[in-house]
PDB file of all heavy atoms in Angstrom:
ATOM      1  N   MET A   1       0.865  -1.218   0.072  1.00  0.00           N
ATOM      2  CA  MET A   1      -0.035  -0.004  -0.069  1.00  0.00           C
ATOM      3  C   MET A   1       0.816   1.268  -0.004  1.00  0.00           C
ATOM      4  O   MET A   1       1.857   1.250   0.684  1.00  0.00           O
ATOM      5  CB  MET A   1      -0.930  -0.021   1.202  1.00  0.00           C
ATOM      6  CG  MET A   1      -1.974  -1.143   1.289  1.00  0.00           C
ATOM      7  SD  MET A   1      -3.077  -0.967   2.599  1.00  0.00           S
ATOM      8  CE  MET A   1      -2.221  -1.280   3.992  1.00  0.00           C
ATOM      9  N   ARG A   2       0.426   2.241  -0.751  1.00  0.00           N
ATOM     10  CA  ARG A   2       1.102   3.645  -0.768  1.00  0.00           C
ATOM     11  C   ARG A   2       0.194   4.618  -0.130  1.00  0.00           C
ATOM     12  O   ARG A   2      -0.922   4.621  -0.440  1.00  0.00           O
ATOM     13  CB  ARG A   2       1.436   3.974  -2.264  1.00  0.00           C
ATOM     14  CG  ARG A   2       2.327   3.003  -2.861  1.00  0.00           C
ATOM     15  CD  ARG A   2       3.819   3.115  -2.475  1.00  0.00           C
ATOM     16  NE  ARG A   2       4.713   2.335  -3.325  1.00  0.00           N
ATOM     17  CZ  ARG A   2       4.994   1.131  -3.131  1.00  0.00           C
ATOM     18  NH1 ARG A   2       4.609   0.484  -2.191  1.00  0.00           N
ATOM     19  NH2 ARG A   2       5.889   0.468  -3.929  1.00  0.00           N
ATOM     20  N   ASN A   3       0.695   5.296   0.737  1.00  0.00           N
ATOM     21  CA  ASN A   3      -0.096   6.465   1.294  1.00  0.00           C
ATOM     22  C   ASN A   3      -1.412   6.080   1.890  1.00  0.00           C
ATOM     23  O   ASN A   3      -2.495   6.642   1.798  1.00  0.00           O
ATOM     24  CB  ASN A   3      -0.433   7.618   0.275  1.00  0.00           C
ATOM     25  CG  ASN A   3       0.821   8.296   0.045  1.00  0.00           C
ATOM     26  OD1 ASN A   3       1.847   8.370   0.654  1.00  0.00           O
ATOM     27  ND2 ASN A   3       0.770   9.264  -1.139  1.00  0.00           N
ATOM     28  N   ALA A   4      -1.383   4.947   2.586  1.00  0.00           N
ATOM     29  CA  ALA A   4      -2.665   4.400   3.299  1.00  0.00           C
ATOM     30  C   ALA A   4      -2.424   4.833   4.766  1.00  0.00           C
ATOM     31  O   ALA A   4      -1.324   4.640   5.304  1.00  0.00           O
ATOM     32  CB  ALA A   4      -2.725   2.963   3.228  1.00  0.00           C
ATOM     33  N   TYR A   5      -3.528   5.113   5.361  1.00  0.00           N
ATOM     34  CA  TYR A   5      -3.551   5.641   6.796  1.00  0.00           C
ATOM     35  C   TYR A   5      -4.598   4.952   7.526  1.00  0.00           C
ATOM     36  O   TYR A   5      -5.451   4.286   7.139  1.00  0.00           O
ATOM     37  CB  TYR A   5      -3.571   7.087   6.842  1.00  0.00           C
ATOM     38  CG  TYR A   5      -2.456   7.864   6.337  1.00  0.00           C
ATOM     39  CD1 TYR A   5      -2.295   8.063   5.052  1.00  0.00           C
ATOM     40  CD2 TYR A   5      -1.486   8.317   7.249  1.00  0.00           C
ATOM     41  CE1 TYR A   5      -1.126   8.779   4.523  1.00  0.00           C
ATOM     42  CE2 TYR A   5      -0.337   8.924   6.797  1.00  0.00           C
ATOM     43  CZ  TYR A   5      -0.189   9.179   5.403  1.00  0.00           C
ATOM     44  OH  TYR A   5       0.955   9.784   4.960  1.00  0.00           O
ATOM     45  N   LEU A   6      -4.432   5.115   8.928  1.00  0.00           N
ATOM     46  CA  LEU A   6      -5.508   4.698   9.878  1.00  0.00           C
ATOM     47  C   LEU A   6      -6.073   5.800  10.482  1.00  0.00           C
ATOM     48  O   LEU A   6      -5.350   6.713  11.028  1.00  0.00           O
ATOM     49  CB  LEU A   6      -4.786   3.671  10.858  1.00  0.00           C
ATOM     50  CG  LEU A   6      -4.213   2.414  10.336  1.00  0.00           C
ATOM     51  CD1 LEU A   6      -3.200   1.795  11.380  1.00  0.00           C
ATOM     52  CD2 LEU A   6      -5.396   1.415  10.022  1.00  0.00           C
ATOM     53  N   ARG A   7      -7.275   5.842  10.631  1.00  0.00           N
ATOM     54  CA  ARG A   7      -8.065   7.015  11.229  1.00  0.00           C
ATOM     55  C   ARG A   7      -8.261   6.437  12.796  1.00  0.00           C
ATOM     56  O   ARG A   7      -8.821   5.348  12.919  1.00  0.00           O
ATOM     57  CB  ARG A   7      -9.366   7.302  10.664  1.00  0.00           C
ATOM     58  CG  ARG A   7     -10.223   8.320  11.305  1.00  0.00           C
ATOM     59  CD  ARG A   7     -11.442   8.642  10.714  1.00  0.00           C
ATOM     60  NE  ARG A   7     -12.293   9.500  11.500  1.00  0.00           N
ATOM     61  CZ  ARG A   7     -12.392  10.861  11.555  1.00  0.00           C
ATOM     62  NH1 ARG A   7     -11.622  11.523  10.696  1.00  0.00           N
ATOM     63  NH2 ARG A   7     -13.101  11.488  12.418  1.00  0.00           N
ATOM     64  N   LEU A   8      -7.896   7.162  13.749  1.00  0.00           N
ATOM     65  CA  LEU A   8      -8.156   6.860  15.080  1.00  0.00           C
ATOM     66  C   LEU A   8      -9.496   7.482  15.532  1.00  0.00           C
ATOM     67  O   LEU A   8      -9.615   8.725  15.550  1.00  0.00           O
ATOM     68  CB  LEU A   8      -6.993   7.424  15.927  1.00  0.00           C
ATOM     69  CG  LEU A   8      -5.707   6.438  15.993  1.00  0.00           C
ATOM     70  CD1 LEU A   8      -5.163   6.306  14.614  1.00  0.00           C
ATOM     71  CD2 LEU A   8      -4.676   7.086  16.930  1.00  0.00           C
ATOM     72  N   GLU A   9     -10.494   6.628  15.787  1.00  0.00           N
ATOM     73  CA  GLU A   9     -11.802   6.958  16.013  1.00  0.00           C
ATOM     74  C   GLU A   9     -12.003   7.349  17.571  1.00  0.00           C
ATOM     75  O   GLU A   9     -12.649   6.694  18.290  1.00  0.00           O
ATOM     76  CB  GLU A   9     -12.818   5.943  15.702  1.00  0.00           C
ATOM     77  CG  GLU A   9     -12.751   5.514  14.305  1.00  0.00           C
ATOM     78  CD  GLU A   9     -13.310   6.597  13.276  1.00  0.00           C
ATOM     79  OE1 GLU A   9     -13.851   7.497  13.740  1.00  0.00           O
ATOM     80  OE2 GLU A   9     -13.209   6.394  12.026  1.00  0.00           O
ATOM     81  N   HIS A  10     -11.336   8.387  17.986  1.00  0.00           N
ATOM     82  CA  HIS A  10     -11.371   8.899  19.366  1.00  0.00           C
ATOM     83  C   HIS A  10     -12.758   9.121  19.793  1.00  0.00           C
ATOM     84  O   HIS A  10     -13.092   8.669  21.012  1.00  0.00           O
ATOM     85  CB  HIS A  10     -10.484  10.035  19.577  1.00  0.00           C
ATOM     86  CG  HIS A  10      -9.088   9.823  19.393  1.00  0.00           C
ATOM     87  ND1 HIS A  10      -8.243   9.028  20.205  1.00  0.00           N
ATOM     88  CD2 HIS A  10      -8.187  10.240  18.411  1.00  0.00           C
ATOM     89  CE1 HIS A  10      -7.032   9.018  19.718  1.00  0.00           C
ATOM     90  NE2 HIS A  10      -6.915   9.814  18.639  1.00  0.00           N
ATOM     91  N   GLU A  11     -13.677   9.726  19.049  1.00  0.00           N
ATOM     92  CA  GLU A  11     -14.901  10.249  19.597  1.00  0.00           C
ATOM     93  C   GLU A  11     -15.749   8.891  19.703  1.00  0.00           C
ATOM     94  O   GLU A  11     -16.416   8.661  20.727  1.00  0.00           O
ATOM     95  CB  GLU A  11     -15.581  11.173  18.684  1.00  0.00           C
ATOM     96  CG  GLU A  11     -14.719  12.509  18.817  1.00  0.00           C
ATOM     97  CD  GLU A  11     -15.486  13.573  17.897  1.00  0.00           C
ATOM     98  OE1 GLU A  11     -16.553  13.298  17.355  1.00  0.00           O
ATOM     99  OE2 GLU A  11     -14.837  14.681  17.759  1.00  0.00           O
ATOM    100  N   SER A  12     -15.973   8.159  18.535  1.00  0.00           N
ATOM    101  CA  SER A  12     -16.898   7.058  18.656  1.00  0.00           C
ATOM    102  C   SER A  12     -16.523   5.895  19.537  1.00  0.00           C
ATOM    103  O   SER A  12     -17.225   5.077  20.003  1.00  0.00           O
ATOM    104  CB  SER A  12     -17.267   6.680  17.084  1.00  0.00           C
ATOM    105  OG  SER A  12     -16.001   6.460  16.491  1.00  0.00           O
ATOM    106  N   ALA A  13     -15.158   5.699  19.532  1.00  0.00           N
ATOM    107  CA  ALA A  13     -14.531   4.655  20.259  1.00  0.00           C
ATOM    108  C   ALA A  13     -14.515   4.970  21.758  1.00  0.00           C
ATOM    109  O   ALA A  13     -14.178   4.038  22.589  1.00  0.00           O
ATOM    110  CB  ALA A  13     -13.132   4.204  19.834  1.00  0.00           C
ATOM    111  N   ARG A  14     -14.776   6.142  22.200  1.00  0.00           N
ATOM    112  CA  ARG A  14     -14.909   6.557  23.463  1.00  0.00           C
ATOM    113  C   ARG A  14     -13.705   6.227  24.412  1.00  0.00           C
ATOM    114  O   ARG A  14     -13.808   5.695  25.472  1.00  0.00           O
ATOM    115  CB  ARG A  14     -16.192   6.048  24.167  1.00  0.00           C
ATOM    116  CG  ARG A  14     -17.465   6.477  23.469  1.00  0.00           C
ATOM    117  CD  ARG A  14     -18.709   5.813  24.052  1.00  0.00           C
ATOM    118  NE  ARG A  14     -19.825   6.142  23.271  1.00  0.00           N
ATOM    119  CZ  ARG A  14     -21.034   5.655  23.521  1.00  0.00           C
ATOM    120  NH1 ARG A  14     -21.249   4.825  24.596  1.00  0.00           N
ATOM    121  NH2 ARG A  14     -22.109   5.947  22.834  1.00  0.00           N
ATOM    122  N   GLY A  15     -12.536   6.698  23.919  1.00  0.00           N
ATOM    123  CA  GLY A  15     -11.408   6.455  24.702  1.00  0.00           C
ATOM    124  C   GLY A  15     -10.962   5.064  25.016  1.00  0.00           C
ATOM    125  O   GLY A  15     -10.505   4.665  26.148  1.00  0.00           O
ATOM    126  N   HIS A  16     -11.131   4.180  23.908  1.00  0.00           N
ATOM    127  CA  HIS A  16     -10.795   2.783  24.153  1.00  0.00           C
ATOM    128  C   HIS A  16      -9.360   2.519  24.526  1.00  0.00           C
ATOM    129  O   HIS A  16      -8.473   3.228  24.034  1.00  0.00           O
ATOM    130  CB  HIS A  16     -11.074   1.989  22.934  1.00  0.00           C
ATOM    131  CG  HIS A  16     -11.136   0.402  23.092  1.00  0.00           C
ATOM    132  ND1 HIS A  16      -9.902  -0.296  23.297  1.00  0.00           N
ATOM    133  CD2 HIS A  16     -12.125  -0.384  23.237  1.00  0.00           C
ATOM    134  CE1 HIS A  16     -10.185  -1.446  23.295  1.00  0.00           C
ATOM    135  NE2 HIS A  16     -11.544  -1.573  23.424  1.00  0.00           N
ATOM    136  N   PRO A  17      -9.087   1.651  25.479  1.00  0.00           N
ATOM    137  CA  PRO A  17      -7.605   1.452  25.954  1.00  0.00           C
ATOM    138  C   PRO A  17      -6.660   1.156  24.752  1.00  0.00           C
ATOM    139  O   PRO A  17      -5.471   1.409  24.878  1.00  0.00           O
ATOM    140  CB  PRO A  17      -7.711   0.310  26.771  1.00  0.00           C
ATOM    141  CG  PRO A  17      -9.023   0.217  27.317  1.00  0.00           C
ATOM    142  CD  PRO A  17      -9.916   0.806  26.146  1.00  0.00           C
ATOM    143  N   LEU A  18      -7.129   0.731  23.677  1.00  0.00           N
ATOM    144  CA  LEU A  18      -6.258   0.450  22.419  1.00  0.00           C
ATOM    145  C   LEU A  18      -5.568   1.792  21.957  1.00  0.00           C
ATOM    146  O   LEU A  18      -4.513   1.790  21.429  1.00  0.00           O
ATOM    147  CB  LEU A  18      -7.097  -0.176  21.297  1.00  0.00           C
ATOM    148  CG  LEU A  18      -6.256  -0.623  20.126  1.00  0.00           C
ATOM    149  CD1 LEU A  18      -5.437  -1.901  20.502  1.00  0.00           C
ATOM    150  CD2 LEU A  18      -7.025  -0.869  18.775  1.00  0.00           C
ATOM    151  N   LEU A  19      -6.310   2.898  22.125  1.00  0.00           N
ATOM    152  CA  LEU A  19      -5.732   4.128  21.683  1.00  0.00           C
ATOM    153  C   LEU A  19      -5.005   5.078  22.830  1.00  0.00           C
ATOM    154  O   LEU A  19      -4.630   6.138  22.561  1.00  0.00           O
ATOM    155  CB  LEU A  19      -6.904   4.985  21.239  1.00  0.00           C
ATOM    156  CG  LEU A  19      -7.805   4.375  19.983  1.00  0.00           C
ATOM    157  CD1 LEU A  19      -8.728   5.378  19.644  1.00  0.00           C
ATOM    158  CD2 LEU A  19      -6.849   3.867  18.885  1.00  0.00           C
ATOM    159  N   ARG A  20      -4.728   4.374  23.866  1.00  0.00           N
ATOM    160  CA  ARG A  20      -3.992   5.009  24.981  1.00  0.00           C
ATOM    161  C   ARG A  20      -2.623   5.462  24.586  1.00  0.00           C
ATOM    162  O   ARG A  20      -1.949   4.720  23.888  1.00  0.00           O
ATOM    163  CB  ARG A  20      -3.802   3.917  26.212  1.00  0.00           C
ATOM    164  CG  ARG A  20      -3.265   4.604  27.473  1.00  0.00           C
ATOM    165  CD  ARG A  20      -3.081   3.625  28.481  1.00  0.00           C
ATOM    166  NE  ARG A  20      -4.414   2.846  28.826  1.00  0.00           N
ATOM    167  CZ  ARG A  20      -4.458   1.639  29.252  1.00  0.00           C
ATOM    168  NH1 ARG A  20      -3.451   0.877  29.339  1.00  0.00           N
ATOM    169  NH2 ARG A  20      -5.671   1.147  29.550  1.00  0.00           N
ATOM    170  N   GLY A  21      -2.341   6.685  24.851  1.00  0.00           N
ATOM    171  CA  GLY A  21      -1.059   7.261  24.392  1.00  0.00           C
ATOM    172  C   GLY A  21      -1.037   7.841  23.083  1.00  0.00           C
ATOM    173  O   GLY A  21      -0.102   8.464  22.644  1.00  0.00           O
ATOM    174  N   LEU A  22      -2.199   7.765  22.320  1.00  0.00           N
ATOM    175  CA  LEU A  22      -2.291   8.343  20.857  1.00  0.00           C
ATOM    176  C   LEU A  22      -3.430   9.368  20.918  1.00  0.00           C
ATOM    177  O   LEU A  22      -3.886   9.594  19.778  1.00  0.00           O
ATOM    178  CB  LEU A  22      -2.561   7.199  20.030  1.00  0.00           C
ATOM    179  CG  LEU A  22      -1.584   6.122  19.874  1.00  0.00           C
ATOM    180  CD1 LEU A  22      -2.067   4.781  19.090  1.00  0.00           C
ATOM    181  CD2 LEU A  22      -0.243   6.641  19.187  1.00  0.00           C
ATOM    182  N   GLU A  23      -3.658   9.937  22.023  1.00  0.00           N
ATOM    183  CA  GLU A  23      -4.881  10.848  22.071  1.00  0.00           C
ATOM    184  C   GLU A  23      -4.616  12.045  21.143  1.00  0.00           C
ATOM    185  O   GLU A  23      -5.685  12.634  20.783  1.00  0.00           O
ATOM    186  CB  GLU A  23      -5.060  11.237  23.542  1.00  0.00           C
ATOM    187  CG  GLU A  23      -5.665  10.234  24.453  1.00  0.00           C
ATOM    188  CD  GLU A  23      -4.534   9.336  24.995  1.00  0.00           C
ATOM    189  OE1 GLU A  23      -3.309   9.533  24.651  1.00  0.00           O
ATOM    190  OE2 GLU A  23      -4.886   8.336  25.738  1.00  0.00           O
ATOM    191  N   ASP A  24      -3.476  12.450  20.970  1.00  0.00           N
ATOM    192  CA  ASP A  24      -3.260  13.677  20.067  1.00  0.00           C
ATOM    193  C   ASP A  24      -3.115  13.418  18.560  1.00  0.00           C
ATOM    194  O   ASP A  24      -2.768  14.236  17.839  1.00  0.00           O
ATOM    195  CB  ASP A  24      -2.045  14.437  20.630  1.00  0.00           C
ATOM    196  CG  ASP A  24      -0.741  13.581  20.514  1.00  0.00           C
ATOM    197  OD1 ASP A  24      -0.911  12.406  20.356  1.00  0.00           O
ATOM    198  OD2 ASP A  24       0.409  14.191  20.616  1.00  0.00           O
ATOM    199  N   ALA A  25      -3.306  12.128  18.136  1.00  0.00           N
ATOM    200  CA  ALA A  25      -3.084  11.687  16.762  1.00  0.00           C
ATOM    201  C   ALA A  25      -4.466  11.502  16.109  1.00  0.00           C
ATOM    202  O   ALA A  25      -5.092  10.414  16.530  1.00  0.00           O
ATOM    203  CB  ALA A  25      -2.274  10.383  16.685  1.00  0.00           C
ATOM    204  N   PRO A  26      -4.888  12.170  15.122  1.00  0.00           N
ATOM    205  CA  PRO A  26      -6.197  11.883  14.418  1.00  0.00           C
ATOM    206  C   PRO A  26      -6.013  10.688  13.430  1.00  0.00           C
ATOM    207  O   PRO A  26      -6.944  10.023  13.073  1.00  0.00           O
ATOM    208  CB  PRO A  26      -6.541  13.235  13.751  1.00  0.00           C
ATOM    209  CG  PRO A  26      -5.178  13.836  13.605  1.00  0.00           C
ATOM    210  CD  PRO A  26      -4.261  13.513  14.742  1.00  0.00           C
TER     211      PRO A  26
END
């Protein structure tokens, strides 16, 4: 893949522990 990204769903995932430490990354 070229220029593929992951969107971090902070709002809908409601602060899931999987995203801990990545709060400032959209």
